C-alpha atoms as a PDB file:
ATOM      1  CA  MET A   1      20.141  58.863  94.219  1.00  0.00           C
ATOM      2  CA  LYS A   2      22.314  57.286  96.799  1.00  0.00           C
ATOM      3  CA  ARG A   3      23.209  53.658  96.243  1.00  0.00           C
ATOM      4  CA  ILE A   4      21.623  52.619  99.560  1.00  0.00           C
ATOM      5  CA  SER A   5      18.274  54.095  98.453  1.00  0.00           C
ATOM      6  CA  ILE A   6      18.395  52.119  95.208  1.00  0.00           C
ATOM      7  CA  ILE A   7      19.227  48.917  97.076  1.00  0.00           C
ATOM      8  CA  PHE A   8      16.360  49.586  99.499  1.00  0.00           C
ATOM      9  CA  LEU A   9      13.897  50.122  96.649  1.00  0.00           C
ATOM     10  CA  GLN A  10      15.130  47.040  94.785  1.00  0.00           C
ATOM     11  CA  THR A  11      14.750  45.017  97.992  1.00  0.00           C
ATOM     12  CA  PHE A  12      11.230  46.391  98.381  1.00  0.00           C
ATOM     13  CA  VAL A  13      10.354  45.353  94.810  1.00  0.00           C
ATOM     14  CA  VAL A  14      11.708  41.844  95.453  1.00  0.00           C
ATOM     15  CA  LEU A  15       9.763  41.682  98.725  1.00  0.00           C
ATOM     16  CA  ILE A  16       6.550  42.630  96.906  1.00  0.00           C
ATOM     17  CA  GLY A  17       7.189  39.813  94.429  1.00  0.00           C
ATOM     18  CA  ILE A  18       7.844  37.268  97.178  1.00  0.00           C
ATOM     19  CA  ILE A  19       4.725  38.277  99.101  1.00  0.00           C
ATOM     20  CA  ALA A  20       2.613  38.092  95.932  1.00  0.00           C
ATOM     21  CA  LEU A  21       4.009  34.643  95.163  1.00  0.00           C
ATOM     22  CA  VAL A  22       3.313  33.378  98.687  1.00  0.00           C
ATOM     23  CA  VAL A  23      -0.238  34.730  98.554  1.00  0.00           C
ATOM     24  CA  MET A  24      -0.793  33.098  95.165  1.00  0.00           C
ATOM     25  CA  ILE A  25       0.392  29.735  96.463  1.00  0.00           C
ATOM     26  CA  ARG A  26      -1.339  29.866  99.851  1.00  0.00           C
ATOM     27  CA  PHE A  27      -4.649  31.601  99.084  1.00  0.00           C
ATOM     28  CA  PRO A  28      -6.224  28.904  96.864  1.00  0.00           C
ATOM     29  CA  LEU A  29      -5.824  26.370  99.666  1.00  0.00           C
ATOM     30  CA  THR A  30      -7.852  28.508 102.083  1.00  0.00           C
ATOM     31  CA  GLU A  31     -10.452  29.861  99.661  1.00  0.00           C
ATOM     32  CA  GLY A  32     -14.076  28.892 100.397  1.00  0.00           C
ATOM     33  CA  ARG A  33     -15.084  26.544  97.591  1.00  0.00           C
ATOM     34  CA  ALA A  34     -11.654  24.927  97.283  1.00  0.00           C
ATOM     35  CA  LYS A  35     -11.208  24.325 100.995  1.00  0.00           C
ATOM     36  CA  HIS A  36     -12.289  20.681 100.750  1.00  0.00           C
ATOM     37  CA  LEU A  37     -10.476  19.812  97.525  1.00  0.00           C
ATOM     38  CA  ASP A  38      -7.171  18.004  97.258  1.00  0.00           C
ATOM     39  CA  VAL A  39      -4.059  19.881  96.116  1.00  0.00           C
ATOM     40  CA  PHE A  40      -4.273  18.801  92.468  1.00  0.00           C
ATOM     41  CA  ASN A  41      -7.907  19.812  92.044  1.00  0.00           C
ATOM     42  CA  VAL A  42      -7.332  23.166  93.736  1.00  0.00           C
ATOM     43  CA  TYR A  43      -4.609  24.127  91.298  1.00  0.00           C
ATOM     44  CA  ALA A  44      -6.502  22.675  88.324  1.00  0.00           C
ATOM     45  CA  ASP A  45      -9.388  25.108  88.825  1.00  0.00           C
ATOM     46  CA  PRO A  46      -9.694  27.234  85.644  1.00  0.00           C
ATOM     47  CA  PHE A  47     -10.227  30.490  87.538  1.00  0.00           C
ATOM     48  CA  ILE A  48      -7.128  29.923  89.678  1.00  0.00           C
ATOM     49  CA  LEU A  49      -5.138  29.063  86.543  1.00  0.00           C
ATOM     50  CA  TYR A  50      -6.446  32.289  84.980  1.00  0.00           C
ATOM     51  CA  GLY A  51      -5.184  34.172  88.032  1.00  0.00           C
ATOM     52  CA  TYR A  52      -1.745  32.599  87.665  1.00  0.00           C
ATOM     53  CA  ALA A  53      -1.609  33.384  83.939  1.00  0.00           C
ATOM     54  CA  SER A  54      -2.715  36.963  84.622  1.00  0.00           C
ATOM     55  CA  SER A  55      -0.016  37.384  87.245  1.00  0.00           C
ATOM     56  CA  ILE A  56       2.661  37.047  84.558  1.00  0.00           C
ATOM     57  CA  ALA A  57       2.069  40.697  83.595  1.00  0.00           C
ATOM     58  CA  PHE A  58       2.454  41.718  87.255  1.00  0.00           C
ATOM     59  CA  PHE A  59       5.748  39.877  87.675  1.00  0.00           C
ATOM     60  CA  VAL A  60       7.110  41.199  84.371  1.00  0.00           C
ATOM     61  CA  ALA A  61       6.303  44.731  85.544  1.00  0.00           C
ATOM     62  CA  LEU A  62       8.078  44.056  88.850  1.00  0.00           C
ATOM     63  CA  TYR A  63      11.116  42.761  86.983  1.00  0.00           C
ATOM     64  CA  LYS A  64      11.151  45.832  84.727  1.00  0.00           C
ATOM     65  CA  ALA A  65      10.847  48.092  87.790  1.00  0.00           C
ATOM     66  CA  PHE A  66      13.827  46.268  89.322  1.00  0.00           C
ATOM     67  CA  LYS A  67      15.794  46.785  86.102  1.00  0.00           C
ATOM     68  CA  LEU A  68      14.780  50.465  85.972  1.00  0.00           C
ATOM     69  CA  LEU A  69      16.068  50.950  89.496  1.00  0.00           C
ATOM     70  CA  GLY A  70      19.298  49.287  88.386  1.00  0.00           C
ATOM     71  CA  TYR A  71      19.631  51.794  85.537  1.00  0.00           C
ATOM     72  CA  ILE A  72      19.030  54.619  87.986  1.00  0.00           C
ATOM     73  CA  GLY A  73      21.700  53.203  90.293  1.00  0.00           C
ATOM     74  CA  GLN A  74      24.175  53.061  87.391  1.00  0.00           C
ATOM     75  CA  ASN A  75      23.376  56.691  86.427  1.00  0.00           C
ATOM     76  CA  LYS A  76      21.859  55.492  83.146  1.00  0.00           C
ATOM     77  CA  VAL A  77      18.503  57.157  83.692  1.00  0.00           C
ATOM     78  CA  PHE A  78      18.623  58.984  80.373  1.00  0.00           C
ATOM     79  CA  SER A  79      19.071  55.886  78.272  1.00  0.00           C
ATOM     80  CA  SER A  80      16.839  54.085  75.831  1.00  0.00           C
ATOM     81  CA  ASN A  81      16.894  51.047  78.138  1.00  0.00           C
ATOM     82  CA  ALA A  82      15.220  53.057  80.902  1.00  0.00           C
ATOM     83  CA  ALA A  83      12.583  54.325  78.454  1.00  0.00           C
ATOM     84  CA  GLU A  84      11.945  50.753  77.265  1.00  0.00           C
ATOM     85  CA  ALA A  85      11.560  49.588  80.871  1.00  0.00           C
ATOM     86  CA  LEU A  86       8.956  52.286  81.482  1.00  0.00           C
ATOM     87  CA  LYS A  87       7.163  51.347  78.268  1.00  0.00           C
ATOM     88  CA  SER A  88       7.072  47.699  79.350  1.00  0.00           C
ATOM     89  CA  ILE A  89       5.722  48.666  82.778  1.00  0.00           C
ATOM     90  CA  LYS A  90       3.012  50.737  81.083  1.00  0.00           C
ATOM     91  CA  TYR A  91       1.962  47.881  78.801  1.00  0.00           C
ATOM     92  CA  CYS A  92       2.013  45.354  81.656  1.00  0.00           C
ATOM     93  CA  ALA A  93      -0.229  47.608  83.742  1.00  0.00           C
ATOM     94  CA  ILE A  94      -2.667  48.024  80.860  1.00  0.00           C
ATOM     95  CA  VAL A  95      -2.776  44.272  80.217  1.00  0.00           C
ATOM     96  CA  LEU A  96      -3.193  43.556  83.917  1.00  0.00           C
ATOM     97  CA  SER A  97      -6.081  46.006  84.237  1.00  0.00           C
ATOM     98  CA  ALA A  98      -7.819  44.454  81.216  1.00  0.00           C
ATOM     99  CA  LEU A  99      -7.368  40.955  82.645  1.00  0.00           C
ATOM    100  CA  ILE A 100      -8.738  42.061  86.024  1.00  0.00           C
ATOM    101  CA  VAL A 101     -11.777  43.620  84.362  1.00  0.00           C
ATOM    102  CA  ALA A 102     -12.338  40.395  82.403  1.00  0.00           C
ATOM    103  CA  ALA A 103     -12.181  38.359  85.626  1.00  0.00           C
ATOM    104  CA  GLY A 104     -14.633  40.716  87.322  1.00  0.00           C
ATOM    105  CA  LEU A 105     -17.044  40.494  84.407  1.00  0.00           C
ATOM    106  CA  PHE A 106     -16.773  36.706  84.396  1.00  0.00           C
ATOM    107  CA  ILE A 107     -17.581  36.500  88.104  1.00  0.00           C
ATOM    108  CA  LYS A 108     -20.400  39.033  87.792  1.00  0.00           C
ATOM    109  CA  LEU A 109     -22.034  37.142  84.929  1.00  0.00           C
ATOM    110  CA  SER A 110     -21.487  33.570  86.096  1.00  0.00           C
ATOM    111  CA  HIS A 111     -21.552  33.643  89.893  1.00  0.00           C
ATOM    112  CA  ASN A 112     -23.865  31.409  91.867  1.00  0.00           C
ATOM    113  CA  LYS A 113     -27.039  33.343  92.651  1.00  0.00           C
ATOM    114  CA  GLU A 114     -26.679  32.412  96.335  1.00  0.00           C
ATOM    115  CA  ASP A 115     -23.214  33.987  96.480  1.00  0.00           C
ATOM    116  CA  ASP A 116     -22.519  37.683  96.787  1.00  0.00           C
ATOM    117  CA  PRO A 117     -19.647  38.747  94.505  1.00  0.00           C
ATOM    118  CA  ALA A 118     -19.497  42.300  95.924  1.00  0.00           C
ATOM    119  CA  GLY A 119     -16.189  41.779  97.753  1.00  0.00           C
ATOM    120  CA  PHE A 120     -14.471  40.317  94.727  1.00  0.00           C
ATOM    121  CA  LEU A 121     -15.877  43.008  92.450  1.00  0.00           C
ATOM    122  CA  ALA A 122     -14.712  45.710  94.862  1.00  0.00           C
ATOM    123  CA  MET A 123     -11.216  44.208  94.795  1.00  0.00           C
ATOM    124  CA  CYS A 124     -11.384  44.176  90.987  1.00  0.00           C
ATOM    125  CA  ILE A 125     -12.344  47.852  90.905  1.00  0.00           C
ATOM    126  CA  VAL A 126      -9.547  48.866  93.290  1.00  0.00           C
ATOM    127  CA  THR A 127      -6.834  46.830  91.567  1.00  0.00           C
ATOM    128  CA  THR A 128      -7.970  48.013  88.132  1.00  0.00           C
ATOM    129  CA  PHE A 129      -7.791  51.603  89.338  1.00  0.00           C
ATOM    130  CA  LEU A 130      -4.294  51.001  90.747  1.00  0.00           C
ATOM    131  CA  SER A 131      -3.165  49.427  87.479  1.00  0.00           C
ATOM    132  CA  ILE A 132      -4.492  52.380  85.515  1.00  0.00           C
ATOM    133  CA  VAL A 133      -2.685  54.785  87.862  1.00  0.00           C
ATOM    134  CA  VAL A 134       0.565  52.851  87.381  1.00  0.00           C
ATOM    135  CA  ALA A 135       0.084  52.831  83.595  1.00  0.00           C
ATOM    136  CA  THR A 136      -0.597  56.568  83.565  1.00  0.00           C
ATOM    137  CA  ALA A 137       2.424  57.342  85.737  1.00  0.00           C
ATOM    138  CA  ALA A 138       4.656  55.112  83.619  1.00  0.00           C
ATOM    139  CA  ALA A 139       3.398  56.779  80.424  1.00  0.00           C
ATOM    140  CA  LEU A 140       4.018  60.223  81.880  1.00  0.00           C
ATOM    141  CA  PHE A 141       7.534  59.332  83.060  1.00  0.00           C
ATOM    142  CA  GLU A 142       8.250  57.651  79.732  1.00  0.00           C
ATOM    143  CA  LYS A 143       7.241  60.788  77.831  1.00  0.00           C
ATOM    144  CA  ILE A 144       9.329  63.038  80.072  1.00  0.00           C
ATOM    145  CA  LEU A 145      12.294  60.677  79.833  1.00  0.00           C
ATOM    146  CA  GLN A 146      11.989  60.392  76.064  1.00  0.00           C
ATOM    147  CA  ASN A 147      11.921  64.201  75.746  1.00  0.00           C
ATOM    148  CA  ALA A 148      15.029  64.431  77.914  1.00  0.00           C
ATOM    149  CA  ILE A 149      16.785  61.752  75.844  1.00  0.00           C
ATOM    150  CA  ASP A 150      15.875  63.584  72.624  1.00  0.00           C
ATOM    151  CA  MET A 151      17.179  66.890  74.013  1.00  0.00           C
ATOM    152  CA  LYS A 152      20.370  65.193  75.170  1.00  0.00           C
ATOM    153  CA  SER A 153      20.947  63.648  71.741  1.00  0.00           C
ATOM    154  CA  GLU A 154      20.312  67.021  70.056  1.00  0.00           C
ATOM    155  CA  ASN A 155      22.847  68.663  72.373  1.00  0.00           C
ATOM    156  CA  ASP A 156      25.363  65.905  71.672  1.00  0.00           C
ATOM    157  CA  LEU A 157      24.969  66.469  67.930  1.00  0.00           C
ATOM    158  CA  THR A 158      25.610  70.213  68.176  1.00  0.00           C
ATOM    159  CA  ILE A 159      28.821  69.736  70.146  1.00  0.00           C
END
């Protein structure tokens, strides 16, 4: 790939991370039940803290995607580092989908009977599906890359 394409994609990954961070900082202050709380109590809410802890997997996957793009830019696609980055992205996506499902189940089982959790549960379903798609794609690319690395090492041994 051309270097400008790699830089564009790396910039896009960084932009996704910045937007996610801004949303995570700003959203709890505007959310319905926390709207009237002070700043300390908003960020001390266990569900919001769970969201922040769960986001670690998302940001690790973004970092690994950034590193993978760096390997591609350095023409080190067929390296064990690239395969490890894909494996990390796969595991982060699986962990993130499990954490999202756990949050959805928690809200479904413990929501106030006067509230309607349908919007939140719909978001959980969509983001879980997206995480599973990312995990599947990463697993597929990892397998293809690992096969290519194995073939390359076999060819290097015969020469």
